[in-house]
Amino acid sequence: MDQFDTCMSTNKYLAKVNADIKAAEELGVRSTPSLFLNGEKLENAPDYGYYRVRIEQALAEVGG
């Protein structure tokens, strides 16, 4: 807990957190979880099967 408290009180990772927030905003992330596959944001998926098919297609494209 001491290590955590020190990080919080000194803002040790604040710049990293802010950089991550900025990057997410630039990618159009508005909620979590947000999923990307090969740089494409996957949105409004009807169910797990949609993700499975997309992942399998991406793997097939790279020989996986």
PDB file of N, CA and C in Angstrom:
ATOM      1  N   MET A   1       0.816  -1.195   0.000  1.00  0.00           N
ATOM      2  CA  MET A   1       0.000   0.000   0.000  1.00  0.00           C
ATOM      3  C   MET A   1       0.861   1.261   0.000  1.00  0.00           C
ATOM      4  N   ASP A   2       2.004   1.191   0.634  1.00  0.00           N
ATOM      5  CA  ASP A   2       2.874   2.369   0.662  1.00  0.00           C
ATOM      6  C   ASP A   2       3.293   2.770  -0.749  1.00  0.00           C
ATOM      7  N   GLN A   3       3.648   1.785  -1.542  1.00  0.00           N
ATOM      8  CA  GLN A   3       4.062   2.068  -2.919  1.00  0.00           C
ATOM      9  C   GLN A   3       2.913   2.685  -3.711  1.00  0.00           C
ATOM     10  N   PHE A   4       1.716   2.142  -3.554  1.00  0.00           N
ATOM     11  CA  PHE A   4       0.543   2.689  -4.227  1.00  0.00           C
ATOM     12  C   PHE A   4       0.286   4.127  -3.783  1.00  0.00           C
ATOM     13  N   ASP A   5       0.303   4.345  -2.480  1.00  0.00           N
ATOM     14  CA  ASP A   5       0.055   5.687  -1.951  1.00  0.00           C
ATOM     15  C   ASP A   5       1.079   6.689  -2.471  1.00  0.00           C
ATOM     16  N   THR A   6       2.328   6.267  -2.579  1.00  0.00           N
ATOM     17  CA  THR A   6       3.368   7.156  -3.099  1.00  0.00           C
ATOM     18  C   THR A   6       3.099   7.506  -4.559  1.00  0.00           C
ATOM     19  N   CYS A   7       2.735   6.510  -5.339  1.00  0.00           N
ATOM     20  CA  CYS A   7       2.420   6.754  -6.752  1.00  0.00           C
ATOM     21  C   CYS A   7       1.265   7.742  -6.891  1.00  0.00           C
ATOM     22  N   MET A   8       0.248   7.548  -6.081  1.00  0.00           N
ATOM     23  CA  MET A   8      -0.919   8.418  -6.156  1.00  0.00           C
ATOM     24  C   MET A   8      -0.609   9.837  -5.685  1.00  0.00           C
ATOM     25  N   SER A   9       0.119   9.976  -4.629  1.00  0.00           N
ATOM     26  CA  SER A   9       0.376  11.305  -4.073  1.00  0.00           C
ATOM     27  C   SER A   9       1.390  12.099  -4.896  1.00  0.00           C
ATOM     28  N   THR A  10       2.239  11.415  -5.669  1.00  0.00           N
ATOM     29  CA  THR A  10       3.247  12.110  -6.475  1.00  0.00           C
ATOM     30  C   THR A  10       2.852  12.214  -7.949  1.00  0.00           C
ATOM     31  N   ASN A  11       1.710  11.628  -8.313  1.00  0.00           N
ATOM     32  CA  ASN A  11       1.262  11.625  -9.715  1.00  0.00           C
ATOM     33  C   ASN A  11       2.309  10.993 -10.636  1.00  0.00           C
ATOM     34  N   LYS A  12       2.966   9.963 -10.146  1.00  0.00           N
ATOM     35  CA  LYS A  12       4.056   9.315 -10.871  1.00  0.00           C
ATOM     36  C   LYS A  12       3.666   8.925 -12.294  1.00  0.00           C
ATOM     37  N   TYR A  13       2.468   8.448 -12.497  1.00  0.00           N
ATOM     38  CA  TYR A  13       2.052   7.962 -13.812  1.00  0.00           C
ATOM     39  C   TYR A  13       1.021   8.863 -14.483  1.00  0.00           C
ATOM     40  N   LEU A  14       0.821  10.054 -13.978  1.00  0.00           N
ATOM     41  CA  LEU A  14      -0.199  10.943 -14.528  1.00  0.00           C
ATOM     42  C   LEU A  14       0.029  11.242 -16.007  1.00  0.00           C
ATOM     43  N   ALA A  15       1.244  11.507 -16.416  1.00  0.00           N
ATOM     44  CA  ALA A  15       1.535  11.802 -17.822  1.00  0.00           C
ATOM     45  C   ALA A  15       1.191  10.608 -18.703  1.00  0.00           C
ATOM     46  N   LYS A  16       1.502   9.408 -18.244  1.00  0.00           N
ATOM     47  CA  LYS A  16       1.187   8.190 -19.008  1.00  0.00           C
ATOM     48  C   LYS A  16      -0.321   8.008 -19.124  1.00  0.00           C
ATOM     49  N   VAL A  17      -1.034   8.206 -18.038  1.00  0.00           N
ATOM     50  CA  VAL A  17      -2.490   8.072 -18.059  1.00  0.00           C
ATOM     51  C   VAL A  17      -3.092   9.095 -19.015  1.00  0.00           C
ATOM     52  N   ASN A  18      -2.638  10.336 -18.939  1.00  0.00           N
ATOM     53  CA  ASN A  18      -3.157  11.374 -19.830  1.00  0.00           C
ATOM     54  C   ASN A  18      -2.849  11.064 -21.290  1.00  0.00           C
ATOM     55  N   ALA A  19      -1.674  10.518 -21.570  1.00  0.00           N
ATOM     56  CA  ALA A  19      -1.322  10.144 -22.942  1.00  0.00           C
ATOM     57  C   ALA A  19      -2.233   9.019 -23.437  1.00  0.00           C
ATOM     58  N   ASP A  20      -2.532   8.067 -22.578  1.00  0.00           N
ATOM     59  CA  ASP A  20      -3.440   6.976 -22.955  1.00  0.00           C
ATOM     60  C   ASP A  20      -4.845   7.500 -23.221  1.00  0.00           C
ATOM     61  N   ILE A  21      -5.306   8.431 -22.402  1.00  0.00           N
ATOM     62  CA  ILE A  21      -6.633   9.025 -22.605  1.00  0.00           C
ATOM     63  C   ILE A  21      -6.674   9.759 -23.942  1.00  0.00           C
ATOM     64  N   LYS A  22      -5.649  10.523 -24.236  1.00  0.00           N
ATOM     65  CA  LYS A  22      -5.599  11.267 -25.503  1.00  0.00           C
ATOM     66  C   LYS A  22      -5.602  10.308 -26.692  1.00  0.00           C
ATOM     67  N   ALA A  23      -4.805   9.249 -26.613  1.00  0.00           N
ATOM     68  CA  ALA A  23      -4.752   8.267 -27.702  1.00  0.00           C
ATOM     69  C   ALA A  23      -6.112   7.613 -27.898  1.00  0.00           C
ATOM     70  N   ALA A  24      -6.773   7.281 -26.822  1.00  0.00           N
ATOM     71  CA  ALA A  24      -8.095   6.664 -26.911  1.00  0.00           C
ATOM     72  C   ALA A  24      -9.096   7.613 -27.559  1.00  0.00           C
ATOM     73  N   GLU A  25      -9.068   8.864 -27.165  1.00  0.00           N
ATOM     74  CA  GLU A  25      -9.970   9.856 -27.750  1.00  0.00           C
ATOM     75  C   GLU A  25      -9.726  10.001 -29.245  1.00  0.00           C
ATOM     76  N   GLU A  26      -8.463   9.984 -29.651  1.00  0.00           N
ATOM     77  CA  GLU A  26      -8.120  10.113 -31.073  1.00  0.00           C
ATOM     78  C   GLU A  26      -8.612   8.920 -31.883  1.00  0.00           C
ATOM     79  N   LEU A  27      -8.706   7.758 -31.241  1.00  0.00           N
ATOM     80  CA  LEU A  27      -9.205   6.557 -31.908  1.00  0.00           C
ATOM     81  C   LEU A  27     -10.725   6.449 -31.868  1.00  0.00           C
ATOM     82  N   GLY A  28     -11.371   7.368 -31.189  1.00  0.00           N
ATOM     83  CA  GLY A  28     -12.822   7.353 -31.115  1.00  0.00           C
ATOM     84  C   GLY A  28     -13.380   6.507 -29.990  1.00  0.00           C
ATOM     85  N   VAL A  29     -12.556   6.150 -29.028  1.00  0.00           N
ATOM     86  CA  VAL A  29     -13.028   5.356 -27.902  1.00  0.00           C
ATOM     87  C   VAL A  29     -13.898   6.246 -27.021  1.00  0.00           C
ATOM     88  N   ARG A  30     -15.108   5.779 -26.767  1.00  0.00           N
ATOM     89  CA  ARG A  30     -16.041   6.524 -25.923  1.00  0.00           C
ATOM     90  C   ARG A  30     -16.517   5.707 -24.723  1.00  0.00           C
ATOM     91  N   SER A  31     -16.153   4.418 -24.706  1.00  0.00           N
ATOM     92  CA  SER A  31     -16.587   3.561 -23.604  1.00  0.00           C
ATOM     93  C   SER A  31     -15.656   2.357 -23.524  1.00  0.00           C
ATOM     94  N   THR A  32     -15.780   1.637 -22.437  1.00  0.00           N
ATOM     95  CA  THR A  32     -15.037   0.396 -22.290  1.00  0.00           C
ATOM     96  C   THR A  32     -16.031  -0.736 -22.103  1.00  0.00           C
ATOM     97  N   PRO A  33     -15.739  -1.906 -22.565  1.00  0.00           N
ATOM     98  CA  PRO A  33     -14.549  -2.183 -23.358  1.00  0.00           C
ATOM     99  C   PRO A  33     -14.723  -1.690 -24.790  1.00  0.00           C
ATOM    100  N   SER A  34     -13.652  -1.310 -25.413  1.00  0.00           N
ATOM    101  CA  SER A  34     -13.616  -0.985 -26.838  1.00  0.00           C
ATOM    102  C   SER A  34     -12.601  -1.917 -27.467  1.00  0.00           C
ATOM    103  N   LEU A  35     -12.992  -2.555 -28.538  1.00  0.00           N
ATOM    104  CA  LEU A  35     -12.144  -3.564 -29.158  1.00  0.00           C
ATOM    105  C   LEU A  35     -11.690  -3.129 -30.544  1.00  0.00           C
ATOM    106  N   PHE A  36     -10.416  -3.377 -30.817  1.00  0.00           N
ATOM    107  CA  PHE A  36      -9.835  -3.086 -32.119  1.00  0.00           C
ATOM    108  C   PHE A  36      -9.196  -4.357 -32.641  1.00  0.00           C
ATOM    109  N   LEU A  37      -9.310  -4.562 -33.944  1.00  0.00           N
ATOM    110  CA  LEU A  37      -8.680  -5.699 -34.596  1.00  0.00           C
ATOM    111  C   LEU A  37      -7.960  -5.171 -35.826  1.00  0.00           C
ATOM    112  N   ASN A  38      -6.655  -5.289 -35.823  1.00  0.00           N
ATOM    113  CA  ASN A  38      -5.828  -4.762 -36.920  1.00  0.00           C
ATOM    114  C   ASN A  38      -6.113  -3.286 -37.181  1.00  0.00           C
ATOM    115  N   GLY A  39      -6.293  -2.526 -36.116  1.00  0.00           N
ATOM    116  CA  GLY A  39      -6.510  -1.096 -36.225  1.00  0.00           C
ATOM    117  C   GLY A  39      -7.933  -0.685 -36.512  1.00  0.00           C
ATOM    118  N   GLU A  40      -8.824  -1.627 -36.708  1.00  0.00           N
ATOM    119  CA  GLU A  40     -10.232  -1.328 -36.985  1.00  0.00           C
ATOM    120  C   GLU A  40     -11.050  -1.493 -35.706  1.00  0.00           C
ATOM    121  N   LYS A  41     -11.818  -0.470 -35.402  1.00  0.00           N
ATOM    122  CA  LYS A  41     -12.667  -0.530 -34.213  1.00  0.00           C
ATOM    123  C   LYS A  41     -13.875  -1.418 -34.511  1.00  0.00           C
ATOM    124  N   LEU A  42     -14.077  -2.411 -33.649  1.00  0.00           N
ATOM    125  CA  LEU A  42     -15.221  -3.304 -33.808  1.00  0.00           C
ATOM    126  C   LEU A  42     -16.345  -2.783 -32.919  1.00  0.00           C
ATOM    127  N   GLU A  43     -17.449  -2.407 -33.567  1.00  0.00           N
ATOM    128  CA  GLU A  43     -18.548  -1.812 -32.817  1.00  0.00           C
ATOM    129  C   GLU A  43     -19.853  -2.554 -33.078  1.00  0.00           C
ATOM    130  N   ASN A  44     -20.740  -2.449 -32.124  1.00  0.00           N
ATOM    131  CA  ASN A  44     -22.108  -2.960 -32.261  1.00  0.00           C
ATOM    132  C   ASN A  44     -22.174  -4.417 -32.679  1.00  0.00           C
ATOM    133  N   ALA A  45     -21.295  -5.211 -32.133  1.00  0.00           N
ATOM    134  CA  ALA A  45     -21.305  -6.637 -32.445  1.00  0.00           C
ATOM    135  C   ALA A  45     -22.541  -7.287 -31.831  1.00  0.00           C
ATOM    136  N   PRO A  46     -23.222  -8.104 -32.605  1.00  0.00           N
ATOM    137  CA  PRO A  46     -24.440  -8.726 -32.085  1.00  0.00           C
ATOM    138  C   PRO A  46     -24.182  -9.784 -31.016  1.00  0.00           C
ATOM    139  N   ASP A  47     -23.030 -10.463 -31.117  1.00  0.00           N
ATOM    140  CA  ASP A  47     -22.743 -11.517 -30.148  1.00  0.00           C
ATOM    141  C   ASP A  47     -21.286 -11.952 -30.256  1.00  0.00           C
ATOM    142  N   TYR A  48     -20.912 -12.881 -29.400  1.00  0.00           N
ATOM    143  CA  TYR A  48     -19.549 -13.401 -29.369  1.00  0.00           C
ATOM    144  C   TYR A  48     -19.131 -13.964 -30.725  1.00  0.00           C
ATOM    145  N   GLY A  49     -20.038 -14.615 -31.417  1.00  0.00           N
ATOM    146  CA  GLY A  49     -19.723 -15.236 -32.699  1.00  0.00           C
ATOM    147  C   GLY A  49     -19.166 -14.250 -33.713  1.00  0.00           C
ATOM    148  N   TYR A  50     -19.652 -13.038 -33.683  1.00  0.00           N
ATOM    149  CA  TYR A  50     -19.159 -12.003 -34.588  1.00  0.00           C
ATOM    150  C   TYR A  50     -17.665 -11.782 -34.382  1.00  0.00           C
ATOM    151  N   TYR A  51     -17.258 -11.645 -33.119  1.00  0.00           N
ATOM    152  CA  TYR A  51     -15.842 -11.442 -32.819  1.00  0.00           C
ATOM    153  C   TYR A  51     -15.021 -12.663 -33.219  1.00  0.00           C
ATOM    154  N   ARG A  52     -15.541 -13.822 -32.951  1.00  0.00           N
ATOM    155  CA  ARG A  52     -14.817 -15.048 -33.278  1.00  0.00           C
ATOM    156  C   ARG A  52     -14.545 -15.134 -34.772  1.00  0.00           C
ATOM    157  N   VAL A  53     -15.550 -14.863 -35.583  1.00  0.00           N
ATOM    158  CA  VAL A  53     -15.390 -14.913 -37.046  1.00  0.00           C
ATOM    159  C   VAL A  53     -14.367 -13.885 -37.497  1.00  0.00           C
ATOM    160  N   ARG A  54     -14.458 -12.667 -36.990  1.00  0.00           N
ATOM    161  CA  ARG A  54     -13.526 -11.615 -37.399  1.00  0.00           C
ATOM    162  C   ARG A  54     -12.089 -11.962 -37.003  1.00  0.00           C
ATOM    163  N   ILE A  55     -11.909 -12.510 -35.818  1.00  0.00           N
ATOM    164  CA  ILE A  55     -10.567 -12.896 -35.364  1.00  0.00           C
ATOM    165  C   ILE A  55     -10.036 -14.040 -36.209  1.00  0.00           C
ATOM    166  N   GLU A  56     -10.855 -15.018 -36.497  1.00  0.00           N
ATOM    167  CA  GLU A  56     -10.413 -16.136 -37.336  1.00  0.00           C
ATOM    168  C   GLU A  56     -10.066 -15.673 -38.737  1.00  0.00           C
ATOM    169  N   GLN A  57     -10.816 -14.730 -39.291  1.00  0.00           N
ATOM    170  CA  GLN A  57     -10.498 -14.177 -40.610  1.00  0.00           C
ATOM    171  C   GLN A  57      -9.137 -13.466 -40.589  1.00  0.00           C
ATOM    172  N   ALA A  58      -8.916 -12.687 -39.558  1.00  0.00           N
ATOM    173  CA  ALA A  58      -7.651 -11.958 -39.434  1.00  0.00           C
ATOM    174  C   ALA A  58      -6.482 -12.927 -39.296  1.00  0.00           C
ATOM    175  N   LEU A  59      -6.665 -13.982 -38.532  1.00  0.00           N
ATOM    176  CA  LEU A  59      -5.613 -14.981 -38.384  1.00  0.00           C
ATOM    177  C   LEU A  59      -5.340 -15.676 -39.709  1.00  0.00           C
ATOM    178  N   ALA A  60      -6.376 -16.002 -40.452  1.00  0.00           N
ATOM    179  CA  ALA A  60      -6.198 -16.666 -41.739  1.00  0.00           C
ATOM    180  C   ALA A  60      -5.409 -15.794 -42.709  1.00  0.00           C
ATOM    181  N   GLU A  61      -5.628 -14.491 -42.624  1.00  0.00           N
ATOM    182  CA  GLU A  61      -4.935 -13.540 -43.513  1.00  0.00           C
ATOM    183  C   GLU A  61      -3.429 -13.518 -43.258  1.00  0.00           C
ATOM    184  N   VAL A  62      -3.023 -13.807 -42.034  1.00  0.00           N
ATOM    185  CA  VAL A  62      -1.592 -13.786 -41.713  1.00  0.00           C
ATOM    186  C   VAL A  62      -1.021 -15.196 -41.590  1.00  0.00           C
ATOM    187  N   GLY A  63      -1.825 -16.185 -41.949  1.00  0.00           N
ATOM    188  CA  GLY A  63      -1.350 -17.564 -41.931  1.00  0.00           C
ATOM    189  C   GLY A  63      -1.368 -18.191 -40.558  1.00  0.00           C
ATOM    190  N   GLY A  64      -2.224 -17.690 -39.660  1.00  0.00           N
ATOM    191  CA  GLY A  64      -2.272 -18.216 -38.300  1.00  0.00           C
ATOM    192  C   GLY A  64      -3.298 -19.257 -38.069  1.00  0.00           C
TER     193      GLY A  64
END
